[in-house]
Structure formats: C-alpha cells, structure tokens
C-alpha atoms as a PDB file:
ATOM      1  CA  MET A   1     -24.066   2.532  -1.474  1.00  0.00           C
ATOM      2  CA  ASN A   2     -22.030   5.325   0.050  1.00  0.00           C
ATOM      3  CA  SER A   3     -19.013   4.514  -2.116  1.00  0.00           C
ATOM      4  CA  SER A   4     -21.067   4.859  -5.317  1.00  0.00           C
ATOM      5  CA  VAL A   5     -22.602   8.139  -4.123  1.00  0.00           C
ATOM      6  CA  LYS A   6     -19.191   9.504  -3.201  1.00  0.00           C
ATOM      7  CA  ARG A   7     -17.690   8.523  -6.569  1.00  0.00           C
ATOM      8  CA  MET A   8     -20.538  10.188  -8.497  1.00  0.00           C
ATOM      9  CA  MET A   9     -20.405  13.294  -6.330  1.00  0.00           C
ATOM     10  CA  HIS A  10     -16.711  13.686  -7.099  1.00  0.00           C
ATOM     11  CA  ALA A  11     -17.624  13.876 -10.794  1.00  0.00           C
ATOM     12  CA  VAL A  12     -20.349  16.452 -10.077  1.00  0.00           C
ATOM     13  CA  ARG A  13     -18.032  18.591  -7.959  1.00  0.00           C
ATOM     14  CA  GLY A  14     -15.331  18.454 -10.621  1.00  0.00           C
ATOM     15  CA  TYR A  15     -17.800  19.495 -13.313  1.00  0.00           C
ATOM     16  CA  PHE A  16     -18.994  22.565 -11.408  1.00  0.00           C
ATOM     17  CA  ARG A  17     -15.451  23.459 -10.312  1.00  0.00           C
ATOM     18  CA  PHE A  18     -14.154  23.599 -13.879  1.00  0.00           C
ATOM     19  CA  ALA A  19     -17.290  25.444 -15.007  1.00  0.00           C
ATOM     20  CA  HIS A  20     -16.627  28.087 -12.349  1.00  0.00           C
ATOM     21  CA  ILE A  21     -12.946  28.324 -13.315  1.00  0.00           C
ATOM     22  CA  ASP A  22     -13.851  28.822 -16.992  1.00  0.00           C
ATOM     23  CA  GLY A  23     -16.347  31.549 -16.056  1.00  0.00           C
ATOM     24  CA  THR A  24     -19.418  29.677 -17.312  1.00  0.00           C
ATOM     25  CA  ILE A  25     -21.188  30.014 -13.951  1.00  0.00           C
ATOM     26  CA  PRO A  26     -20.735  32.798 -11.369  1.00  0.00           C
ATOM     27  CA  GLY A  27     -20.154  30.437  -8.465  1.00  0.00           C
ATOM     28  CA  ASP A  28     -19.590  26.800  -7.577  1.00  0.00           C
ATOM     29  CA  PRO A  29     -22.819  25.364  -6.101  1.00  0.00           C
ATOM     30  CA  ALA A  30     -21.189  22.076  -5.114  1.00  0.00           C
ATOM     31  CA  VAL A  31     -18.200  23.422  -3.225  1.00  0.00           C
ATOM     32  CA  TYR A  32     -19.850  22.845   0.157  1.00  0.00           C
ATOM     33  CA  ALA A  33     -21.544  19.564  -0.735  1.00  0.00           C
ATOM     34  CA  ARG A  34     -21.016  17.023   2.023  1.00  0.00           C
ATOM     35  CA  LEU A  35     -19.833  13.607   0.897  1.00  0.00           C
ATOM     36  CA  PRO A  36     -20.768  10.400   2.710  1.00  0.00           C
ATOM     37  CA  LYS A  37     -18.073   8.655   4.683  1.00  0.00           C
ATOM     38  CA  VAL A  38     -16.913   5.312   3.357  1.00  0.00           C
ATOM     39  CA  HIS A  39     -15.602   2.819   5.885  1.00  0.00           C
ATOM     40  CA  ARG A  40     -13.416   0.096   4.409  1.00  0.00           C
ATOM     41  CA  ASP A  41     -12.634  -2.928   6.520  1.00  0.00           C
ATOM     42  CA  GLY A  42      -9.839  -4.206   4.320  1.00  0.00           C
ATOM     43  CA  SER A  43      -8.616  -5.056   0.866  1.00  0.00           C
ATOM     44  CA  ARG A  44     -10.981  -7.161  -1.239  1.00  0.00           C
ATOM     45  CA  THR A  45      -8.192  -8.649  -3.316  1.00  0.00           C
ATOM     46  CA  PRO A  46      -7.981 -12.442  -2.854  1.00  0.00           C
ATOM     47  CA  GLY A  47      -4.514 -13.095  -1.515  1.00  0.00           C
ATOM     48  CA  LEU A  48      -2.457 -16.203  -0.845  1.00  0.00           C
ATOM     49  CA  ASP A  49      -1.466 -17.591   2.497  1.00  0.00           C
ATOM     50  CA  ARG A  50       2.112 -18.541   3.253  1.00  0.00           C
ATOM     51  CA  LEU A  51       1.869 -22.163   2.067  1.00  0.00           C
ATOM     52  CA  GLU A  52       0.063 -21.196  -1.138  1.00  0.00           C
ATOM     53  CA  LEU A  53       2.677 -18.562  -1.903  1.00  0.00           C
ATOM     54  CA  ILE A  54       5.493 -21.070  -1.373  1.00  0.00           C
ATOM     55  CA  ARG A  55       3.795 -23.548  -3.696  1.00  0.00           C
ATOM     56  CA  PHE A  56       3.204 -20.808  -6.264  1.00  0.00           C
ATOM     57  CA  LEU A  57       6.885 -19.815  -6.262  1.00  0.00           C
ATOM     58  CA  GLN A  58       8.047 -23.424  -6.528  1.00  0.00           C
ATOM     59  CA  VAL A  59       5.780 -24.110  -9.488  1.00  0.00           C
ATOM     60  CA  ALA A  60       6.840 -20.857 -11.178  1.00  0.00           C
ATOM     61  CA  GLN A  61      10.497 -21.874 -11.019  1.00  0.00           C
ATOM     62  CA  THR A  62       9.756 -25.249 -12.621  1.00  0.00           C
ATOM     63  CA  THR A  63       7.759 -23.649 -15.458  1.00  0.00           C
ATOM     64  CA  THR A  64      10.363 -21.355 -17.034  1.00  0.00           C
ATOM     65  CA  VAL A  65      13.013 -18.985 -15.732  1.00  0.00           C
ATOM     66  CA  HIS A  66      10.873 -16.060 -16.885  1.00  0.00           C
ATOM     67  CA  HIS A  67       7.872 -17.297 -14.917  1.00  0.00           C
ATOM     68  CA  GLY A  68      10.119 -17.702 -11.879  1.00  0.00           C
ATOM     69  CA  ALA A  69      11.497 -14.156 -12.071  1.00  0.00           C
ATOM     70  CA  LEU A  70       8.022 -12.752 -12.557  1.00  0.00           C
ATOM     71  CA  ALA A  71       6.622 -14.658  -9.564  1.00  0.00           C
ATOM     72  CA  TYR A  72       9.463 -13.722  -7.220  1.00  0.00           C
ATOM     73  CA  LEU A  73       9.272 -10.024  -8.045  1.00  0.00           C
ATOM     74  CA  LEU A  74       5.518 -10.051  -7.454  1.00  0.00           C
ATOM     75  CA  GLY A  75       5.345 -12.345  -4.441  1.00  0.00           C
ATOM     76  CA  ILE A  76       8.430 -11.239  -2.504  1.00  0.00           C
ATOM     77  CA  ASN A  77       9.248  -7.707  -3.632  1.00  0.00           C
ATOM     78  CA  ALA A  78       5.548  -6.739  -3.947  1.00  0.00           C
ATOM     79  CA  LEU A  79       5.867  -5.172  -7.402  1.00  0.00           C
ATOM     80  CA  ARG A  80       2.835  -4.173  -9.431  1.00  0.00           C
ATOM     81  CA  ALA A  81       2.106  -5.834 -12.776  1.00  0.00           C
ATOM     82  CA  SER A  82       3.254  -2.852 -14.854  1.00  0.00           C
ATOM     83  CA  GLN A  83       6.437  -2.491 -12.782  1.00  0.00           C
ATOM     84  CA  ASP A  84       7.207  -6.182 -13.152  1.00  0.00           C
ATOM     85  CA  ALA A  85       6.867  -5.993 -16.925  1.00  0.00           C
ATOM     86  CA  ALA A  86       9.080  -2.890 -17.091  1.00  0.00           C
ATOM     87  CA  VAL A  87      12.076  -4.300 -15.175  1.00  0.00           C
ATOM     88  CA  ARG A  88      15.250  -4.186 -17.229  1.00  0.00           C
ATOM     89  CA  ILE A  89      18.560  -5.919 -16.646  1.00  0.00           C
ATOM     90  CA  GLU A  90      20.324  -2.595 -16.099  1.00  0.00           C
ATOM     91  CA  ASP A  91      17.906  -1.746 -13.282  1.00  0.00           C
ATOM     92  CA  TYR A  92      19.417  -4.153 -10.746  1.00  0.00           C
ATOM     93  CA  THR A  93      23.134  -3.966 -11.464  1.00  0.00           C
ATOM     94  CA  ASP A  94      23.925  -1.339  -8.810  1.00  0.00           C
ATOM     95  CA  VAL A  95      25.201  -2.245  -5.358  1.00  0.00           C
ATOM     96  CA  LEU A  96      24.240  -0.163  -2.327  1.00  0.00           C
ATOM     97  CA  ARG A  97      25.934  -0.872   1.010  1.00  0.00           C
ATOM     98  CA  GLY A  98      27.036  -4.281  -0.155  1.00  0.00           C
ATOM     99  CA  GLN A  99      23.629  -5.378  -1.467  1.00  0.00           C
ATOM    100  CA  ARG A 100      22.174  -5.436  -4.952  1.00  0.00           C
ATOM    101  CA  VAL A 101      19.278  -3.042  -5.391  1.00  0.00           C
ATOM    102  CA  LEU A 102      16.510  -2.660  -7.935  1.00  0.00           C
ATOM    103  CA  HIS A 103      15.649   0.743  -9.390  1.00  0.00           C
ATOM    104  CA  LEU A 104      12.089   1.156 -10.579  1.00  0.00           C
ATOM    105  CA  VAL A 105       9.468   3.811 -11.251  1.00  0.00           C
ATOM    106  CA  GLY A 106       6.565   3.494  -8.841  1.00  0.00           C
ATOM    107  CA  LYS A 107       3.009   4.668  -8.900  1.00  0.00           C
ATOM    108  CA  GLY A 108       2.663   8.323  -9.881  1.00  0.00           C
ATOM    109  CA  ASN A 109       6.066   8.239 -11.669  1.00  0.00           C
ATOM    110  CA  LYS A 110       7.885   8.187  -8.331  1.00  0.00           C
ATOM    111  CA  PRO A 111      11.368   6.648  -8.514  1.00  0.00           C
ATOM    112  CA  ALA A 112      12.032   3.945  -5.934  1.00  0.00           C
ATOM    113  CA  THR A 113      14.985   1.795  -4.905  1.00  0.00           C
ATOM    114  CA  MET A 114      14.509  -1.506  -3.118  1.00  0.00           C
ATOM    115  CA  PRO A 115      16.989  -4.192  -2.050  1.00  0.00           C
ATOM    116  CA  LEU A 116      16.965  -7.620  -3.644  1.00  0.00           C
ATOM    117  CA  THR A 117      16.868 -10.368  -1.049  1.00  0.00           C
ATOM    118  CA  VAL A 118      18.963 -13.528  -1.209  1.00  0.00           C
ATOM    119  CA  PRO A 119      16.206 -15.787  -2.671  1.00  0.00           C
ATOM    120  CA  VAL A 120      15.281 -13.274  -5.389  1.00  0.00           C
ATOM    121  CA  LEU A 121      18.696 -12.480  -6.873  1.00  0.00           C
ATOM    122  CA  PRO A 122      19.587 -16.016  -8.112  1.00  0.00           C
ATOM    123  CA  VAL A 123      16.192 -16.285  -9.812  1.00  0.00           C
ATOM    124  CA  LEU A 124      16.757 -12.989 -11.622  1.00  0.00           C
ATOM    125  CA  GLU A 125      20.257 -14.048 -12.646  1.00  0.00           C
ATOM    126  CA  ALA A 126      18.923 -17.321 -14.044  1.00  0.00           C
ATOM    127  CA  CYS A 127      16.352 -15.360 -16.040  1.00  0.00           C
ATOM    128  CA  ARG A 128      19.004 -12.956 -17.322  1.00  0.00           C
ATOM    129  CA  GLY A 129      21.318 -15.672 -18.591  1.00  0.00           C
ATOM    130  CA  GLU A 130      24.081 -14.265 -20.781  1.00  0.00           C
ATOM    131  CA  ARG A 131      22.256 -11.029 -21.563  1.00  0.00           C
ATOM    132  CA  THR A 132      23.600  -7.715 -20.262  1.00  0.00           C
ATOM    133  CA  THR A 133      20.936  -5.235 -21.382  1.00  0.00           C
ATOM    134  CA  GLY A 134      17.289  -5.183 -22.325  1.00  0.00           C
ATOM    135  CA  PRO A 135      14.053  -6.282 -20.669  1.00  0.00           C
ATOM    136  CA  LEU A 136      14.486  -8.915 -17.985  1.00  0.00           C
ATOM    137  CA  ILE A 137      11.290 -10.963 -18.365  1.00  0.00           C
ATOM    138  CA  LEU A 138      10.547 -12.214 -21.888  1.00  0.00           C
ATOM    139  CA  ARG A 139       7.848 -14.298 -23.484  1.00  0.00           C
ATOM    140  CA  PRO A 140       9.126 -17.890 -23.396  1.00  0.00           C
ATOM    141  CA  LEU A 141       8.327 -18.660 -27.059  1.00  0.00           C
ATOM    142  CA  SER A 142       8.915 -15.436 -28.976  1.00  0.00           C
ATOM    143  CA  GLU A 143      11.500 -13.990 -26.533  1.00  0.00           C
ATOM    144  CA  GLU A 144       9.860 -10.572 -26.771  1.00  0.00           C
ATOM    145  CA  ALA A 145       9.341  -8.213 -23.866  1.00  0.00           C
ATOM    146  CA  VAL A 146       6.226  -8.923 -21.808  1.00  0.00           C
ATOM    147  CA  ASP A 147       3.487  -6.389 -21.171  1.00  0.00           C
ATOM    148  CA  ARG A 148       0.794  -6.100 -18.530  1.00  0.00           C
ATOM    149  CA  ARG A 149      -1.493  -8.634 -20.228  1.00  0.00           C
ATOM    150  CA  ASP A 150       1.312 -11.166 -20.461  1.00  0.00           C
ATOM    151  CA  VAL A 151       1.916 -10.803 -16.735  1.00  0.00           C
ATOM    152  CA  TYR A 152      -1.744 -11.628 -16.044  1.00  0.00           C
ATOM    153  CA  ARG A 153      -1.654 -14.670 -18.318  1.00  0.00           C
ATOM    154  CA  MET A 154       1.587 -15.975 -16.820  1.00  0.00           C
ATOM    155  CA  VAL A 155       0.248 -15.610 -13.275  1.00  0.00           C
ATOM    156  CA  GLN A 156      -2.948 -17.459 -14.150  1.00  0.00           C
ATOM    157  CA  ARG A 157      -0.975 -20.254 -15.816  1.00  0.00           C
ATOM    158  CA  ILE A 158       1.166 -20.736 -12.711  1.00  0.00           C
ATOM    159  CA  ALA A 159      -1.942 -20.654 -10.499  1.00  0.00           C
ATOM    160  CA  ARG A 160      -3.613 -23.399 -12.530  1.00  0.00           C
ATOM    161  CA  THR A 161      -0.506 -25.574 -12.367  1.00  0.00           C
ATOM    162  CA  ALA A 162      -0.135 -24.946  -8.623  1.00  0.00           C
ATOM    163  CA  LYS A 163      -3.853 -25.794  -8.160  1.00  0.00           C
ATOM    164  CA  ILE A 164      -4.727 -22.581  -6.375  1.00  0.00           C
ATOM    165  CA  PRO A 165      -8.443 -23.022  -5.617  1.00  0.00           C
ATOM    166  CA  ARG A 166      -9.486 -19.501  -6.688  1.00  0.00           C
ATOM    167  CA  ARG A 167      -8.804 -17.031  -9.454  1.00  0.00           C
ATOM    168  CA  ILE A 168      -5.897 -14.751  -8.631  1.00  0.00           C
ATOM    169  CA  SER A 169      -4.227 -11.803 -10.323  1.00  0.00           C
ATOM    170  CA  PRO A 170      -0.769 -10.204 -10.096  1.00  0.00           C
ATOM    171  CA  HIS A 171      -2.108  -7.951  -7.357  1.00  0.00           C
ATOM    172  CA  SER A 172      -2.952 -11.079  -5.348  1.00  0.00           C
ATOM    173  CA  LEU A 173       0.783 -11.808  -5.135  1.00  0.00           C
ATOM    174  CA  ARG A 174       1.498  -8.246  -4.076  1.00  0.00           C
ATOM    175  CA  HIS A 175      -1.242  -8.642  -1.475  1.00  0.00           C
ATOM    176  CA  ALA A 176       0.336 -11.900  -0.300  1.00  0.00           C
ATOM    177  CA  ALA A 177       3.783 -10.314   0.034  1.00  0.00           C
ATOM    178  CA  ILE A 178       2.441  -7.562   2.285  1.00  0.00           C
ATOM    179  CA  THR A 179       0.160  -9.724   4.429  1.00  0.00           C
ATOM    180  CA  ASN A 180       2.793 -12.430   4.909  1.00  0.00           C
ATOM    181  CA  ALA A 181       5.270  -9.773   5.986  1.00  0.00           C
ATOM    182  CA  LEU A 182       2.762  -8.538   8.571  1.00  0.00           C
ATOM    183  CA  ASP A 183       2.091 -12.099   9.707  1.00  0.00           C
ATOM    184  CA  ALA A 184       5.826 -12.572  10.238  1.00  0.00           C
ATOM    185  CA  GLY A 185       5.852  -9.661  12.697  1.00  0.00           C
ATOM    186  CA  VAL A 186       7.183  -6.938  10.390  1.00  0.00           C
ATOM    187  CA  PRO A 187       6.153  -3.502  11.735  1.00  0.00           C
ATOM    188  CA  LEU A 188       3.514  -1.601   9.834  1.00  0.00           C
ATOM    189  CA  LEU A 189       5.996   1.123   8.836  1.00  0.00           C
ATOM    190  CA  ASP A 190       8.374  -1.421   7.287  1.00  0.00           C
ATOM    191  CA  ALA A 191       5.477  -3.051   5.455  1.00  0.00           C
ATOM    192  CA  GLN A 192       4.525   0.373   4.121  1.00  0.00           C
ATOM    193  CA  ILE A 193       8.077   0.821   2.800  1.00  0.00           C
ATOM    194  CA  LEU A 194       7.905  -2.607   1.166  1.00  0.00           C
ATOM    195  CA  ALA A 195       4.594  -1.761  -0.500  1.00  0.00           C
ATOM    196  CA  ARG A 196       5.761   1.774  -1.357  1.00  0.00           C
ATOM    197  CA  HIS A 197       2.478   3.254  -0.141  1.00  0.00           C
ATOM    198  CA  ALA A 198       2.182   7.012   0.252  1.00  0.00           C
ATOM    199  CA  GLY A 199       0.640   6.650   3.730  1.00  0.00           C
ATOM    200  CA  PRO A 200       0.105   3.975   6.384  1.00  0.00           C
ATOM    201  CA  ARG A 201      -3.681   3.948   5.913  1.00  0.00           C
ATOM    202  CA  THR A 202      -3.408   2.005   2.663  1.00  0.00           C
ATOM    203  CA  THR A 203      -1.168  -0.567   4.329  1.00  0.00           C
ATOM    204  CA  GLU A 204      -3.667  -0.866   7.194  1.00  0.00           C
ATOM    205  CA  HIS A 205      -6.248  -2.140   4.685  1.00  0.00           C
ATOM    206  CA  TYR A 206      -4.003  -5.137   4.083  1.00  0.00           C
ATOM    207  CA  ASP A 207      -3.495  -5.513   7.828  1.00  0.00           C
ATOM    208  CA  ARG A 208      -7.241  -5.665   8.475  1.00  0.00           C
ATOM    209  CA  ALA A 209      -7.760  -8.002   5.523  1.00  0.00           C
ATOM    210  CA  ARG A 210      -5.673 -10.667   7.261  1.00  0.00           C
ATOM    211  CA  GLY A 211      -8.577 -11.386   9.602  1.00  0.00           C
ATOM    212  CA  GLN A 212      -6.208 -11.712  12.549  1.00  0.00           C
ATOM    213  CA  PRO A 213      -6.165  -9.485  15.618  1.00  0.00           C
ATOM    214  CA  ARG A 214      -3.133  -7.385  16.334  1.00  0.00           C
ATOM    215  CA  PRO A 215      -0.801  -8.856  18.956  1.00  0.00           C
ATOM    216  CA  PRO A 216      -1.149  -7.095  22.330  1.00  0.00           C
ATOM    217  CA  ARG A 217       1.513  -4.646  23.349  1.00  0.00           C
ATOM    218  CA  ARG A 218       4.101  -6.127  25.628  1.00  0.00           C
ATOM    219  CA  PRO A 219       4.110  -4.471  29.055  1.00  0.00           C
ATOM    220  CA  LEU A 220       7.118  -2.328  29.798  1.00  0.00           C
ATOM    221  CA  PRO A 221       9.523  -3.444  32.498  1.00  0.00           C
ATOM    222  CA  HIS A 222       8.922  -1.857  35.888  1.00  0.00           C
ATOM    223  CA  ARG A 223      12.049   0.312  35.883  1.00  0.00           C
ATOM    224  CA  LEU A 224      11.546   1.482  32.293  1.00  0.00           C
ATOM    225  CA  ARG A 225       7.879   2.258  32.979  1.00  0.00           C
ATOM    226  CA  ARG A 226       8.806   4.250  36.083  1.00  0.00           C
ATOM    227  CA  ARG A 227      11.526   6.136  34.195  1.00  0.00           C
ATOM    228  CA  ARG A 228       9.116   7.017  31.377  1.00  0.00           C
ATOM    229  CA  LEU A 229       6.609   8.245  33.965  1.00  0.00           C
ATOM    230  CA  ASN A 230       9.270  10.449  35.565  1.00  0.00           C
ATOM    231  CA  LEU A 231      10.216  11.926  32.196  1.00  0.00           C
ATOM    232  CA  SER A 232       6.596  12.643  31.306  1.00  0.00           C
ATOM    233  CA  MET A 233       5.803  14.306  34.640  1.00  0.00           C
ATOM    234  CA  GLY A 234       8.944  16.447  34.588  1.00  0.00           C
ATOM    235  CA  PRO A 235      10.387  18.213  37.630  1.00  0.00           C
ATOM    236  CA  ARG A 236       7.012  18.178  39.386  1.00  0.00           C
ATOM    237  CA  LEU A 237       7.267  14.449  40.045  1.00  0.00           C
ATOM    238  CA  ALA A 238      10.967  14.640  40.746  1.00  0.00           C
ATOM    239  CA  SER A 239      10.325  17.075  43.595  1.00  0.00           C
ATOM    240  CA  VAL A 240       8.028  14.655  45.436  1.00  0.00           C
ATOM    241  CA  PRO A 241      10.017  12.904  48.167  1.00  0.00           C
ATOM    242  CA  PRO A 242      10.020   9.100  48.011  1.00  0.00           C
ATOM    243  CA  ARG A 243       7.942   7.215  50.572  1.00  0.00           C
END
C-alpha cells in the first residue's frame, strides 16, 4: 500500500541524509525521491456514540472514584492516556477568569491549559478526597499512582461492565469527546483547541470519521449579502447608479 511505501521511503531518505551529513557519501541520492500520496478518509479508532459515552461515564462513577475521574478526563476533556495518568492534584487548583483550569503537558512537551467544565470538577474533587498534593488518580487497591498500562486496564474494565459491544482503548474516549463535540455543532476550530491538535487537518480526520455530512451553510440575509458584495467590489460598484 502507499502508506507502507511512504513509511519505508522515509527510513531510506533518513539513512542517506545522515550518510551525506557524516561525509560517508558525496551526495544524497534520495533527496529528490517522490513519495506516494496517502489519502486518509478518517480516524480508524473505534469511538463511542453519545449514548455509549453517557453509559460509560455513569458506570465509571459507580465503580470507584478513581475510575470516574479517569473516565471524565478522557471522555470530556479529551486527554491522552499518558496525560491522564500524569495529572496531579496541584495541576487544577488555579482559577482563571472565575473558572478552575487544568495545567498539563501535551504532546511534544507543549504546556497546555484547559478549563474544567461543571460536570468534571465534582468528579475530580471526589477522587481527591482529603488529599492536597500528589497524583490524582490512584490504583484502587494499592493506592499507588497509575501508569499508562493501568489506564488501559481501567478503561477496559469499565467497558466490560458497561457492555460496550467492541474493544475500546483510552484513545476511543478521546475520539468520542471530539466527535461528540462536532456532532453538537461545535466549530472545527474549537474542536481543534479541545483536542490540542497542531493543525486543523488532524481534527478533520475525526470529522470525516463521524460518517455524517457537514451541515449546509446558511444563506446570508439579503441586506448582508448585498453589503458584502459592495465591500468586495469596492468603489467600482459604488459608482454604478442604482436602477
């Protein structure tokens, strides 16, 4: 497939590039190699629809407070598994413009700040309990900090209890948070901010994976459309006498 050829060619180009930089070869023979184009229709991650996500969150809250906090951060705030495991109590104590915010380190070691919505904050407070510092989500039995593997196991346990008919992962909840936001009419730019993607193209993969057509653009009112036309044509249209 084109994706496999492109992935292998990247390794070949990197090999010759470093060989040329080290002076092993006089020139880079792969610098002008043309790579095949890969067209992706959407994300292949199995997500959850709105009703499945609601059932997942309800079951997570009835399991333990740690399962509930983990599920809400994944399914509503669209955190990744490693970010969810790394959340500490001190990370969401700040208030910005009257709202509690969560500080985290995103992909590529990029710091990010995101608001905590009304449904999420009580779940996090119930998980925190009387603690003031330390990791937020703990293993229910040993009360040790969770890691990435624990996040996967906890998600699969909740999915089995909620009777989700397919195997899901923590990224499935992140996928569900983004797609459900798009289904609710959230603009693509706001969904990109929620997902903390570097560009809108990655968010568009989730948009196409919904399997639903985009809603048609609403026609502009007659006066606003005429005013926009006058502004685009400039003084040339303004000089034409009305009929």
